[in-house]
Amino acid sequence: MSLQVELEQHRNVLVVRLRGELDHHTADIVRFKMEDAILRGRAEHVVLSLKDLQFMDSSGLGVILGRYKLIKSRGGKMVVCDVHSNVKRLFELSGLFKIMSFYETERSALAGLEVVS
């Protein structure tokens, strides 16, 4: 299975929706697309929607952590929402939920960042 990356801007928040598998084969695609959107756009914060992400390995964790550090260094926040059960366990084991907020839905994530449109 491949990976699809959908990017959408909501005011000053970049919403990133991942569908498929985030692994060592697809990690560079996510890294490039997110960095490009963050650095070229007006994204102060990132919502990472993982409802349709079926699988993620340590390469995926590295990409997410790297983009988290990038957005944090720019004074922003990165939150995660709609995490598929297969991926949620990896987030819990890795400790990423200790540094990133988790929301059940994309709408609640946007509300948590005070950007409901």
PDB file of N, CA and C in Angstrom:
ATOM      1  N   MET A   1       0.842  -1.187   0.000  1.00  0.00           N
ATOM      2  CA  MET A   1       0.000   0.000   0.000  1.00  0.00           C
ATOM      3  C   MET A   1       0.877   1.236   0.000  1.00  0.00           C
ATOM      4  N   SER A   2       0.450   2.266  -0.668  1.00  0.00           N
ATOM      5  CA  SER A   2       1.222   3.499  -0.743  1.00  0.00           C
ATOM      6  C   SER A   2       0.704   4.507   0.282  1.00  0.00           C
ATOM      7  N   LEU A   3       1.161   5.714   0.155  1.00  0.00           N
ATOM      8  CA  LEU A   3       0.774   6.773   1.078  1.00  0.00           C
ATOM      9  C   LEU A   3       0.220   7.951   0.299  1.00  0.00           C
ATOM     10  N   GLN A   4      -0.861   8.507   0.787  1.00  0.00           N
ATOM     11  CA  GLN A   4      -1.422   9.742   0.237  1.00  0.00           C
ATOM     12  C   GLN A   4      -1.310  10.812   1.310  1.00  0.00           C
ATOM     13  N   VAL A   5      -0.873  12.003   0.900  1.00  0.00           N
ATOM     14  CA  VAL A   5      -0.728  13.136   1.813  1.00  0.00           C
ATOM     15  C   VAL A   5      -1.639  14.242   1.323  1.00  0.00           C
ATOM     16  N   GLU A   6      -2.542  14.676   2.181  1.00  0.00           N
ATOM     17  CA  GLU A   6      -3.445  15.777   1.853  1.00  0.00           C
ATOM     18  C   GLU A   6      -3.144  16.932   2.803  1.00  0.00           C
ATOM     19  N   LEU A   7      -2.897  18.097   2.239  1.00  0.00           N
ATOM     20  CA  LEU A   7      -2.603  19.289   3.033  1.00  0.00           C
ATOM     21  C   LEU A   7      -3.723  20.303   2.828  1.00  0.00           C
ATOM     22  N   GLU A   8      -4.167  20.903   3.920  1.00  0.00           N
ATOM     23  CA  GLU A   8      -5.221  21.914   3.848  1.00  0.00           C
ATOM     24  C   GLU A   8      -4.924  23.002   4.869  1.00  0.00           C
ATOM     25  N   GLN A   9      -5.083  24.243   4.463  1.00  0.00           N
ATOM     26  CA  GLN A   9      -4.813  25.381   5.344  1.00  0.00           C
ATOM     27  C   GLN A   9      -6.113  25.880   5.963  1.00  0.00           C
ATOM     28  N   HIS A  10      -6.150  26.017   7.284  1.00  0.00           N
ATOM     29  CA  HIS A  10      -7.266  26.625   8.018  1.00  0.00           C
ATOM     30  C   HIS A  10      -6.682  27.798   8.785  1.00  0.00           C
ATOM     31  N   ARG A  11      -6.880  28.992   8.242  1.00  0.00           N
ATOM     32  CA  ARG A  11      -6.275  30.191   8.839  1.00  0.00           C
ATOM     33  C   ARG A  11      -4.786  29.968   9.021  1.00  0.00           C
ATOM     34  N   ASN A  12      -4.305  29.934  10.258  1.00  0.00           N
ATOM     35  CA  ASN A  12      -2.865  29.771  10.487  1.00  0.00           C
ATOM     36  C   ASN A  12      -2.485  28.334  10.860  1.00  0.00           C
ATOM     37  N   VAL A  13      -3.372  27.387  10.552  1.00  0.00           N
ATOM     38  CA  VAL A  13      -3.121  25.984  10.884  1.00  0.00           C
ATOM     39  C   VAL A  13      -3.044  25.146   9.611  1.00  0.00           C
ATOM     40  N   LEU A  14      -2.009  24.347   9.518  1.00  0.00           N
ATOM     41  CA  LEU A  14      -1.867  23.392   8.428  1.00  0.00           C
ATOM     42  C   LEU A  14      -2.439  22.063   8.895  1.00  0.00           C
ATOM     43  N   VAL A  15      -3.456  21.565   8.197  1.00  0.00           N
ATOM     44  CA  VAL A  15      -4.028  20.254   8.499  1.00  0.00           C
ATOM     45  C   VAL A  15      -3.398  19.256   7.537  1.00  0.00           C
ATOM     46  N   VAL A  16      -2.788  18.227   8.096  1.00  0.00           N
ATOM     47  CA  VAL A  16      -2.118  17.192   7.310  1.00  0.00           C
ATOM     48  C   VAL A  16      -2.873  15.885   7.538  1.00  0.00           C
ATOM     49  N   ARG A  17      -3.419  15.331   6.448  1.00  0.00           N
ATOM     50  CA  ARG A  17      -4.125  14.049   6.531  1.00  0.00           C
ATOM     51  C   ARG A  17      -3.295  12.992   5.801  1.00  0.00           C
ATOM     52  N   LEU A  18      -2.988  11.913   6.521  1.00  0.00           N
ATOM     53  CA  LEU A  18      -2.191  10.833   5.939  1.00  0.00           C
ATOM     54  C   LEU A  18      -3.073   9.601   5.765  1.00  0.00           C
ATOM     55  N   ARG A  19      -2.962   8.981   4.593  1.00  0.00           N
ATOM     56  CA  ARG A  19      -3.742   7.782   4.277  1.00  0.00           C
ATOM     57  C   ARG A  19      -2.802   6.725   3.709  1.00  0.00           C
ATOM     58  N   GLY A  20      -2.842   5.536   4.295  1.00  0.00           N
ATOM     59  CA  GLY A  20      -2.009   4.441   3.788  1.00  0.00           C
ATOM     60  C   GLY A  20      -0.987   4.007   4.806  1.00  0.00           C
ATOM     61  N   GLU A  21       0.282   3.943   4.377  1.00  0.00           N
ATOM     62  CA  GLU A  21       1.369   3.473   5.232  1.00  0.00           C
ATOM     63  C   GLU A  21       2.518   4.470   5.242  1.00  0.00           C
ATOM     64  N   LEU A  22       2.926   4.858   6.443  1.00  0.00           N
ATOM     65  CA  LEU A  22       4.062   5.761   6.618  1.00  0.00           C
ATOM     66  C   LEU A  22       5.228   4.922   7.127  1.00  0.00           C
ATOM     67  N   ASP A  23       6.172   4.641   6.214  1.00  0.00           N
ATOM     68  CA  ASP A  23       7.324   3.814   6.563  1.00  0.00           C
ATOM     69  C   ASP A  23       8.568   4.372   5.893  1.00  0.00           C
ATOM     70  N   HIS A  24       9.643   3.607   5.903  1.00  0.00           N
ATOM     71  CA  HIS A  24      10.909   4.104   5.347  1.00  0.00           C
ATOM     72  C   HIS A  24      10.815   4.381   3.845  1.00  0.00           C
ATOM     73  N   HIS A  25       9.840   3.797   3.155  1.00  0.00           N
ATOM     74  CA  HIS A  25       9.663   4.063   1.721  1.00  0.00           C
ATOM     75  C   HIS A  25       8.961   5.393   1.460  1.00  0.00           C
ATOM     76  N   THR A  26       8.125   5.828   2.388  1.00  0.00           N
ATOM     77  CA  THR A  26       7.295   7.014   2.161  1.00  0.00           C
ATOM     78  C   THR A  26       7.638   8.185   3.077  1.00  0.00           C
ATOM     79  N   ALA A  27       8.541   7.991   4.020  1.00  0.00           N
ATOM     80  CA  ALA A  27       8.861   9.020   5.008  1.00  0.00           C
ATOM     81  C   ALA A  27       9.367  10.310   4.369  1.00  0.00           C
ATOM     82  N   ASP A  28      10.209  10.203   3.341  1.00  0.00           N
ATOM     83  CA  ASP A  28      10.754  11.401   2.701  1.00  0.00           C
ATOM     84  C   ASP A  28       9.674  12.244   2.032  1.00  0.00           C
ATOM     85  N   ILE A  29       8.645  11.609   1.508  1.00  0.00           N
ATOM     86  CA  ILE A  29       7.540  12.347   0.881  1.00  0.00           C
ATOM     87  C   ILE A  29       6.846  13.214   1.919  1.00  0.00           C
ATOM     88  N   VAL A  30       6.542  12.630   3.066  1.00  0.00           N
ATOM     89  CA  VAL A  30       5.870  13.371   4.136  1.00  0.00           C
ATOM     90  C   VAL A  30       6.771  14.488   4.641  1.00  0.00           C
ATOM     91  N   ARG A  31       8.034  14.178   4.862  1.00  0.00           N
ATOM     92  CA  ARG A  31       9.001  15.174   5.345  1.00  0.00           C
ATOM     93  C   ARG A  31       9.041  16.373   4.395  1.00  0.00           C
ATOM     94  N   PHE A  32       9.181  16.123   3.105  1.00  0.00           N
ATOM     95  CA  PHE A  32       9.286  17.203   2.131  1.00  0.00           C
ATOM     96  C   PHE A  32       8.002  18.027   2.074  1.00  0.00           C
ATOM     97  N   LYS A  33       6.862  17.363   1.947  1.00  0.00           N
ATOM     98  CA  LYS A  33       5.601  18.091   1.798  1.00  0.00           C
ATOM     99  C   LYS A  33       5.266  18.924   3.026  1.00  0.00           C
ATOM    100  N   MET A  34       5.496  18.373   4.211  1.00  0.00           N
ATOM    101  CA  MET A  34       5.192  19.131   5.425  1.00  0.00           C
ATOM    102  C   MET A  34       6.156  20.296   5.606  1.00  0.00           C
ATOM    103  N   GLU A  35       7.442  20.059   5.415  1.00  0.00           N
ATOM    104  CA  GLU A  35       8.422  21.141   5.567  1.00  0.00           C
ATOM    105  C   GLU A  35       8.163  22.249   4.566  1.00  0.00           C
ATOM    106  N   ASP A  36       7.887  21.887   3.331  1.00  0.00           N
ATOM    107  CA  ASP A  36       7.608  22.879   2.309  1.00  0.00           C
ATOM    108  C   ASP A  36       6.397  23.728   2.693  1.00  0.00           C
ATOM    109  N   ALA A  37       5.331  23.084   3.142  1.00  0.00           N
ATOM    110  CA  ALA A  37       4.117  23.810   3.522  1.00  0.00           C
ATOM    111  C   ALA A  37       4.350  24.686   4.750  1.00  0.00           C
ATOM    112  N   ILE A  38       5.110  24.205   5.709  1.00  0.00           N
ATOM    113  CA  ILE A  38       5.381  24.985   6.924  1.00  0.00           C
ATOM    114  C   ILE A  38       6.269  26.176   6.616  1.00  0.00           C
ATOM    115  N   LEU A  39       7.339  25.962   5.863  1.00  0.00           N
ATOM    116  CA  LEU A  39       8.311  27.024   5.610  1.00  0.00           C
ATOM    117  C   LEU A  39       7.845  28.038   4.574  1.00  0.00           C
ATOM    118  N   ARG A  40       7.041  27.618   3.598  1.00  0.00           N
ATOM    119  CA  ARG A  40       6.576  28.523   2.550  1.00  0.00           C
ATOM    120  C   ARG A  40       5.240  29.164   2.873  1.00  0.00           C
ATOM    121  N   GLY A  41       4.456  28.503   3.695  1.00  0.00           N
ATOM    122  CA  GLY A  41       3.111  28.981   3.993  1.00  0.00           C
ATOM    123  C   GLY A  41       3.069  29.842   5.230  1.00  0.00           C
ATOM    124  N   ARG A  42       1.870  30.013   5.704  1.00  0.00           N
ATOM    125  CA  ARG A  42       1.680  30.818   6.907  1.00  0.00           C
ATOM    126  C   ARG A  42       1.182  29.952   8.050  1.00  0.00           C
ATOM    127  N   ALA A  43       1.650  28.710   8.074  1.00  0.00           N
ATOM    128  CA  ALA A  43       1.236  27.770   9.112  1.00  0.00           C
ATOM    129  C   ALA A  43       2.009  28.024  10.398  1.00  0.00           C
ATOM    130  N   GLU A  44       1.279  28.385  11.429  1.00  0.00           N
ATOM    131  CA  GLU A  44       1.876  28.539  12.751  1.00  0.00           C
ATOM    132  C   GLU A  44       1.738  27.246  13.547  1.00  0.00           C
ATOM    133  N   HIS A  45       0.678  26.482  13.242  1.00  0.00           N
ATOM    134  CA  HIS A  45       0.386  25.249  13.963  1.00  0.00           C
ATOM    135  C   HIS A  45       0.094  24.139  12.956  1.00  0.00           C
ATOM    136  N   VAL A  46       0.174  22.885  13.422  1.00  0.00           N
ATOM    137  CA  VAL A  46      -0.109  21.729  12.570  1.00  0.00           C
ATOM    138  C   VAL A  46      -1.071  20.789  13.284  1.00  0.00           C
ATOM    139  N   VAL A  47      -2.097  20.345  12.554  1.00  0.00           N
ATOM    140  CA  VAL A  47      -2.978  19.267  13.003  1.00  0.00           C
ATOM    141  C   VAL A  47      -2.663  18.071  12.115  1.00  0.00           C
ATOM    142  N   LEU A  48      -2.274  16.985  12.735  1.00  0.00           N
ATOM    143  CA  LEU A  48      -1.933  15.762  12.022  1.00  0.00           C
ATOM    144  C   LEU A  48      -3.077  14.766  12.201  1.00  0.00           C
ATOM    145  N   SER A  49      -3.826  14.547  11.118  1.00  0.00           N
ATOM    146  CA  SER A  49      -4.981  13.643  11.152  1.00  0.00           C
ATOM    147  C   SER A  49      -4.560  12.272  10.623  1.00  0.00           C
ATOM    148  N   LEU A  50      -4.709  11.251  11.474  1.00  0.00           N
ATOM    149  CA  LEU A  50      -4.190   9.927  11.133  1.00  0.00           C
ATOM    150  C   LEU A  50      -5.280   8.850  11.085  1.00  0.00           C
ATOM    151  N   LYS A  51      -6.508   9.265  10.842  1.00  0.00           N
ATOM    152  CA  LYS A  51      -7.634   8.326  10.817  1.00  0.00           C
ATOM    153  C   LYS A  51      -7.428   7.222   9.788  1.00  0.00           C
ATOM    154  N   ASP A  52      -6.877   7.557   8.633  1.00  0.00           N
ATOM    155  CA  ASP A  52      -6.722   6.594   7.547  1.00  0.00           C
ATOM    156  C   ASP A  52      -5.291   6.095   7.385  1.00  0.00           C
ATOM    157  N   LEU A  53      -4.449   6.341   8.388  1.00  0.00           N
ATOM    158  CA  LEU A  53      -3.086   5.814   8.365  1.00  0.00           C
ATOM    159  C   LEU A  53      -3.121   4.418   8.976  1.00  0.00           C
ATOM    160  N   GLN A  54      -2.922   3.409   8.144  1.00  0.00           N
ATOM    161  CA  GLN A  54      -3.061   2.018   8.576  1.00  0.00           C
ATOM    162  C   GLN A  54      -1.822   1.469   9.274  1.00  0.00           C
ATOM    163  N   PHE A  55      -0.646   2.012   8.912  1.00  0.00           N
ATOM    164  CA  PHE A  55       0.605   1.469   9.430  1.00  0.00           C
ATOM    165  C   PHE A  55       1.647   2.570   9.511  1.00  0.00           C
ATOM    166  N   MET A  56       2.491   2.500  10.541  1.00  0.00           N
ATOM    167  CA  MET A  56       3.609   3.433  10.661  1.00  0.00           C
ATOM    168  C   MET A  56       4.747   2.707  11.364  1.00  0.00           C
ATOM    169  N   ASP A  57       5.977   2.931  10.892  1.00  0.00           N
ATOM    170  CA  ASP A  57       7.142   2.348  11.553  1.00  0.00           C
ATOM    171  C   ASP A  57       7.982   3.463  12.183  1.00  0.00           C
ATOM    172  N   SER A  58       9.173   3.128  12.628  1.00  0.00           N
ATOM    173  CA  SER A  58      10.024   4.107  13.309  1.00  0.00           C
ATOM    174  C   SER A  58      10.439   5.257  12.402  1.00  0.00           C
ATOM    175  N   SER A  59      10.501   5.033  11.096  1.00  0.00           N
ATOM    176  CA  SER A  59      10.805   6.127  10.163  1.00  0.00           C
ATOM    177  C   SER A  59       9.691   7.172  10.206  1.00  0.00           C
ATOM    178  N   GLY A  60       8.467   6.705  10.295  1.00  0.00           N
ATOM    179  CA  GLY A  60       7.324   7.608  10.407  1.00  0.00           C
ATOM    180  C   GLY A  60       7.364   8.399  11.700  1.00  0.00           C
ATOM    181  N   LEU A  61       7.712   7.729  12.786  1.00  0.00           N
ATOM    182  CA  LEU A  61       7.849   8.435  14.068  1.00  0.00           C
ATOM    183  C   LEU A  61       8.910   9.525  13.969  1.00  0.00           C
ATOM    184  N   GLY A  62      10.012   9.210  13.297  1.00  0.00           N
ATOM    185  CA  GLY A  62      11.083  10.192  13.128  1.00  0.00           C
ATOM    186  C   GLY A  62      10.643  11.405  12.336  1.00  0.00           C
ATOM    187  N   VAL A  63       9.877  11.179  11.279  1.00  0.00           N
ATOM    188  CA  VAL A  63       9.370  12.292  10.464  1.00  0.00           C
ATOM    189  C   VAL A  63       8.449  13.174  11.296  1.00  0.00           C
ATOM    190  N   ILE A  64       7.549  12.552  12.036  1.00  0.00           N
ATOM    191  CA  ILE A  64       6.606  13.315  12.853  1.00  0.00           C
ATOM    192  C   ILE A  64       7.337  14.097  13.939  1.00  0.00           C
ATOM    193  N   LEU A  65       8.278  13.459  14.596  1.00  0.00           N
ATOM    194  CA  LEU A  65       9.038  14.141  15.638  1.00  0.00           C
ATOM    195  C   LEU A  65       9.845  15.305  15.068  1.00  0.00           C
ATOM    196  N   GLY A  66      10.434  15.112  13.908  1.00  0.00           N
ATOM    197  CA  GLY A  66      11.202  16.187  13.271  1.00  0.00           C
ATOM    198  C   GLY A  66      10.342  17.379  12.907  1.00  0.00           C
ATOM    199  N   ARG A  67       9.132  17.143  12.385  1.00  0.00           N
ATOM    200  CA  ARG A  67       8.236  18.249  12.034  1.00  0.00           C
ATOM    201  C   ARG A  67       7.692  18.905  13.298  1.00  0.00           C
ATOM    202  N   TYR A  68       7.512  18.119  14.354  1.00  0.00           N
ATOM    203  CA  TYR A  68       7.102  18.670  15.650  1.00  0.00           C
ATOM    204  C   TYR A  68       8.169  19.661  16.140  1.00  0.00           C
ATOM    205  N   LYS A  69       9.427  19.259  16.070  1.00  0.00           N
ATOM    206  CA  LYS A  69      10.516  20.133  16.512  1.00  0.00           C
ATOM    207  C   LYS A  69      10.588  21.393  15.657  1.00  0.00           C
ATOM    208  N   LEU A  70      10.359  21.246  14.348  1.00  0.00           N
ATOM    209  CA  LEU A  70      10.381  22.399  13.448  1.00  0.00           C
ATOM    210  C   LEU A  70       9.286  23.401  13.819  1.00  0.00           C
ATOM    211  N   ILE A  71       8.062  22.931  13.973  1.00  0.00           N
ATOM    212  CA  ILE A  71       6.957  23.842  14.265  1.00  0.00           C
ATOM    213  C   ILE A  71       7.114  24.450  15.662  1.00  0.00           C
ATOM    214  N   LYS A  72       7.627  23.671  16.597  1.00  0.00           N
ATOM    215  CA  LYS A  72       7.852  24.183  17.955  1.00  0.00           C
ATOM    216  C   LYS A  72       8.937  25.262  17.955  1.00  0.00           C
ATOM    217  N   SER A  73       9.985  25.079  17.155  1.00  0.00           N
ATOM    218  CA  SER A  73      11.066  26.069  17.089  1.00  0.00           C
ATOM    219  C   SER A  73      10.583  27.391  16.506  1.00  0.00           C
ATOM    220  N   ARG A  74       9.457  27.340  15.798  1.00  0.00           N
ATOM    221  CA  ARG A  74       8.862  28.552  15.215  1.00  0.00           C
ATOM    222  C   ARG A  74       7.764  29.129  16.111  1.00  0.00           C
ATOM    223  N   GLY A  75       7.643  28.576  17.328  1.00  0.00           N
ATOM    224  CA  GLY A  75       6.671  29.078  18.290  1.00  0.00           C
ATOM    225  C   GLY A  75       5.280  28.486  18.156  1.00  0.00           C
ATOM    226  N   GLY A  76       5.131  27.427  17.367  1.00  0.00           N
ATOM    227  CA  GLY A  76       3.818  26.843  17.138  1.00  0.00           C
ATOM    228  C   GLY A  76       3.588  25.553  17.892  1.00  0.00           C
ATOM    229  N   LYS A  77       2.414  24.961  17.645  1.00  0.00           N
ATOM    230  CA  LYS A  77       2.031  23.703  18.270  1.00  0.00           C
ATOM    231  C   LYS A  77       1.694  22.695  17.185  1.00  0.00           C
ATOM    232  N   MET A  78       1.931  21.436  17.500  1.00  0.00           N
ATOM    233  CA  MET A  78       1.529  20.341  16.621  1.00  0.00           C
ATOM    234  C   MET A  78       0.691  19.390  17.459  1.00  0.00           C
ATOM    235  N   VAL A  79      -0.511  19.085  16.964  1.00  0.00           N
ATOM    236  CA  VAL A  79      -1.400  18.168  17.659  1.00  0.00           C
ATOM    237  C   VAL A  79      -1.780  17.031  16.728  1.00  0.00           C
ATOM    238  N   VAL A  80      -2.249  15.931  17.313  1.00  0.00           N
ATOM    239  CA  VAL A  80      -2.605  14.737  16.558  1.00  0.00           C
ATOM    240  C   VAL A  80      -4.077  14.440  16.805  1.00  0.00           C
ATOM    241  N   CYS A  81      -4.768  13.971  15.762  1.00  0.00           N
ATOM    242  CA  CYS A  81      -6.178  13.610  15.930  1.00  0.00           C
ATOM    243  C   CYS A  81      -6.523  12.377  15.102  1.00  0.00           C
ATOM    244  N   ASP A  82      -7.682  11.804  15.443  1.00  0.00           N
ATOM    245  CA  ASP A  82      -8.234  10.675  14.676  1.00  0.00           C
ATOM    246  C   ASP A  82      -7.215   9.563  14.441  1.00  0.00           C
ATOM    247  N   VAL A  83      -6.487   9.172  15.457  1.00  0.00           N
ATOM    248  CA  VAL A  83      -5.430   8.186  15.271  1.00  0.00           C
ATOM    249  C   VAL A  83      -6.024   6.781  15.166  1.00  0.00           C
ATOM    250  N   HIS A  84      -5.713   6.101  14.072  1.00  0.00           N
ATOM    251  CA  HIS A  84      -6.133   4.722  13.843  1.00  0.00           C
ATOM    252  C   HIS A  84      -5.560   3.846  14.963  1.00  0.00           C
ATOM    253  N   SER A  85      -6.294   2.857  15.384  1.00  0.00           N
ATOM    254  CA  SER A  85      -5.876   2.028  16.526  1.00  0.00           C
ATOM    255  C   SER A  85      -4.507   1.371  16.331  1.00  0.00           C
ATOM    256  N   ASN A  86      -4.178   0.959  15.114  1.00  0.00           N
ATOM    257  CA  ASN A  86      -2.865   0.348  14.854  1.00  0.00           C
ATOM    258  C   ASN A  86      -1.725   1.322  15.140  1.00  0.00           C
ATOM    259  N   VAL A  87      -1.944   2.576  14.820  1.00  0.00           N
ATOM    260  CA  VAL A  87      -0.910   3.596  14.958  1.00  0.00           C
ATOM    261  C   VAL A  87      -0.911   4.176  16.373  1.00  0.00           C
ATOM    262  N   LYS A  88      -2.069   4.214  16.995  1.00  0.00           N
ATOM    263  CA  LYS A  88      -2.186   4.788  18.339  1.00  0.00           C
ATOM    264  C   LYS A  88      -1.270   4.071  19.329  1.00  0.00           C
ATOM    265  N   ARG A  89      -1.210   2.774  19.214  1.00  0.00           N
ATOM    266  CA  ARG A  89      -0.364   1.979  20.116  1.00  0.00           C
ATOM    267  C   ARG A  89       1.114   2.371  19.970  1.00  0.00           C
ATOM    268  N   LEU A  90       1.555   2.610  18.747  1.00  0.00           N
ATOM    269  CA  LEU A  90       2.935   3.030  18.502  1.00  0.00           C
ATOM    270  C   LEU A  90       3.208   4.405  19.129  1.00  0.00           C
ATOM    271  N   PHE A  91       2.244   5.315  19.027  1.00  0.00           N
ATOM    272  CA  PHE A  91       2.379   6.630  19.655  1.00  0.00           C
ATOM    273  C   PHE A  91       2.504   6.488  21.173  1.00  0.00           C
ATOM    274  N   GLU A  92       1.680   5.618  21.738  1.00  0.00           N
ATOM    275  CA  GLU A  92       1.720   5.415  23.192  1.00  0.00           C
ATOM    276  C   GLU A  92       3.055   4.839  23.636  1.00  0.00           C
ATOM    277  N   LEU A  93       3.531   3.809  22.924  1.00  0.00           N
ATOM    278  CA  LEU A  93       4.796   3.170  23.278  1.00  0.00           C
ATOM    279  C   LEU A  93       5.993   4.099  23.112  1.00  0.00           C
ATOM    280  N   SER A  94       5.941   4.954  22.100  1.00  0.00           N
ATOM    281  CA  SER A  94       7.071   5.845  21.820  1.00  0.00           C
ATOM    282  C   SER A  94       7.107   7.060  22.747  1.00  0.00           C
ATOM    283  N   GLY A  95       5.990   7.350  23.397  1.00  0.00           N
ATOM    284  CA  GLY A  95       5.942   8.524  24.273  1.00  0.00           C
ATOM    285  C   GLY A  95       5.568   9.812  23.565  1.00  0.00           C
ATOM    286  N   LEU A  96       5.204   9.740  22.290  1.00  0.00           N
ATOM    287  CA  LEU A  96       4.848  10.968  21.563  1.00  0.00           C
ATOM    288  C   LEU A  96       3.625  11.671  22.154  1.00  0.00           C
ATOM    289  N   PHE A  97       2.715  10.897  22.754  1.00  0.00           N
ATOM    290  CA  PHE A  97       1.540  11.525  23.368  1.00  0.00           C
ATOM    291  C   PHE A  97       1.907  12.324  24.616  1.00  0.00           C
ATOM    292  N   LYS A  98       3.126  12.156  25.107  1.00  0.00           N
ATOM    293  CA  LYS A  98       3.580  12.954  26.256  1.00  0.00           C
ATOM    294  C   LYS A  98       3.982  14.361  25.837  1.00  0.00           C
ATOM    295  N   ILE A  99       4.334  14.527  24.564  1.00  0.00           N
ATOM    296  CA  ILE A  99       4.749  15.860  24.107  1.00  0.00           C
ATOM    297  C   ILE A  99       3.736  16.513  23.161  1.00  0.00           C
ATOM    298  N   MET A 100       2.866  15.706  22.559  1.00  0.00           N
ATOM    299  CA  MET A 100       1.847  16.221  21.635  1.00  0.00           C
ATOM    300  C   MET A 100       0.464  15.945  22.184  1.00  0.00           C
ATOM    301  N   SER A 101      -0.419  16.921  22.035  1.00  0.00           N
ATOM    302  CA  SER A 101      -1.801  16.732  22.459  1.00  0.00           C
ATOM    303  C   SER A 101      -2.533  15.844  21.461  1.00  0.00           C
ATOM    304  N   PHE A 102      -3.458  15.044  21.991  1.00  0.00           N
ATOM    305  CA  PHE A 102      -4.268  14.147  21.177  1.00  0.00           C
ATOM    306  C   PHE A 102      -5.727  14.564  21.259  1.00  0.00           C
ATOM    307  N   TYR A 103      -6.382  14.616  20.102  1.00  0.00           N
ATOM    308  CA  TYR A 103      -7.808  14.934  20.023  1.00  0.00           C
ATOM    309  C   TYR A 103      -8.519  13.823  19.263  1.00  0.00           C
ATOM    310  N   GLU A 104      -9.766  13.584  19.625  1.00  0.00           N
ATOM    311  CA  GLU A 104     -10.550  12.535  18.976  1.00  0.00           C
ATOM    312  C   GLU A 104     -10.878  12.858  17.523  1.00  0.00           C
ATOM    313  N   THR A 105     -11.160  14.137  17.240  1.00  0.00           N
ATOM    314  CA  THR A 105     -11.567  14.538  15.892  1.00  0.00           C
ATOM    315  C   THR A 105     -10.749  15.729  15.411  1.00  0.00           C
ATOM    316  N   GLU A 106     -10.783  15.924  14.106  1.00  0.00           N
ATOM    317  CA  GLU A 106     -10.100  17.075  13.513  1.00  0.00           C
ATOM    318  C   GLU A 106     -10.720  18.384  14.000  1.00  0.00           C
ATOM    319  N   ARG A 107     -12.039  18.400  14.086  1.00  0.00           N
ATOM    320  CA  ARG A 107     -12.738  19.606  14.549  1.00  0.00           C
ATOM    321  C   ARG A 107     -12.333  19.976  15.984  1.00  0.00           C
ATOM    322  N   SER A 108     -12.240  18.966  16.854  1.00  0.00           N
ATOM    323  CA  SER A 108     -11.845  19.260  18.233  1.00  0.00           C
ATOM    324  C   SER A 108     -10.373  19.699  18.304  1.00  0.00           C
ATOM    325  N   ALA A 109      -9.552  19.184  17.402  1.00  0.00           N
ATOM    326  CA  ALA A 109      -8.148  19.619  17.344  1.00  0.00           C
ATOM    327  C   ALA A 109      -8.061  21.084  16.933  1.00  0.00           C
ATOM    328  N   LEU A 110      -8.831  21.456  15.926  1.00  0.00           N
ATOM    329  CA  LEU A 110      -8.853  22.862  15.487  1.00  0.00           C
ATOM    330  C   LEU A 110      -9.403  23.755  16.599  1.00  0.00           C
ATOM    331  N   ALA A 111     -10.440  23.280  17.291  1.00  0.00           N
ATOM    332  CA  ALA A 111     -10.998  24.043  18.409  1.00  0.00           C
ATOM    333  C   ALA A 111      -9.968  24.180  19.521  1.00  0.00           C
ATOM    334  N   GLY A 112      -9.193  23.128  19.759  1.00  0.00           N
ATOM    335  CA  GLY A 112      -8.147  23.175  20.781  1.00  0.00           C
ATOM    336  C   GLY A 112      -7.066  24.194  20.461  1.00  0.00           C
ATOM    337  N   LEU A 113      -6.876  24.438  19.187  1.00  0.00           N
ATOM    338  CA  LEU A 113      -5.921  25.462  18.743  1.00  0.00           C
ATOM    339  C   LEU A 113      -6.633  26.793  18.523  1.00  0.00           C
ATOM    340  N   GLU A 114      -7.938  26.840  18.836  1.00  0.00           N
ATOM    341  CA  GLU A 114      -8.777  28.045  18.706  1.00  0.00           C
ATOM    342  C   GLU A 114      -8.842  28.540  17.283  1.00  0.00           C
ATOM    343  N   VAL A 115      -9.043  27.611  16.323  1.00  0.00           N
ATOM    344  CA  VAL A 115      -9.099  27.974  14.927  1.00  0.00           C
ATOM    345  C   VAL A 115     -10.312  27.345  14.224  1.00  0.00           C
ATOM    346  N   VAL A 116     -11.418  27.216  14.902  1.00  0.00           N
ATOM    347  CA  VAL A 116     -12.606  26.638  14.275  1.00  0.00           C
ATOM    348  C   VAL A 116     -13.121  27.609  13.225  1.00  0.00           C
ATOM    349  N   SER A 117     -13.372  27.070  12.007  1.00  0.00           N
ATOM    350  CA  SER A 117     -13.866  27.954  10.955  1.00  0.00           C
ATOM    351  C   SER A 117     -15.321  27.705  10.660  1.00  0.00           C
TER     352      SER A 117
END
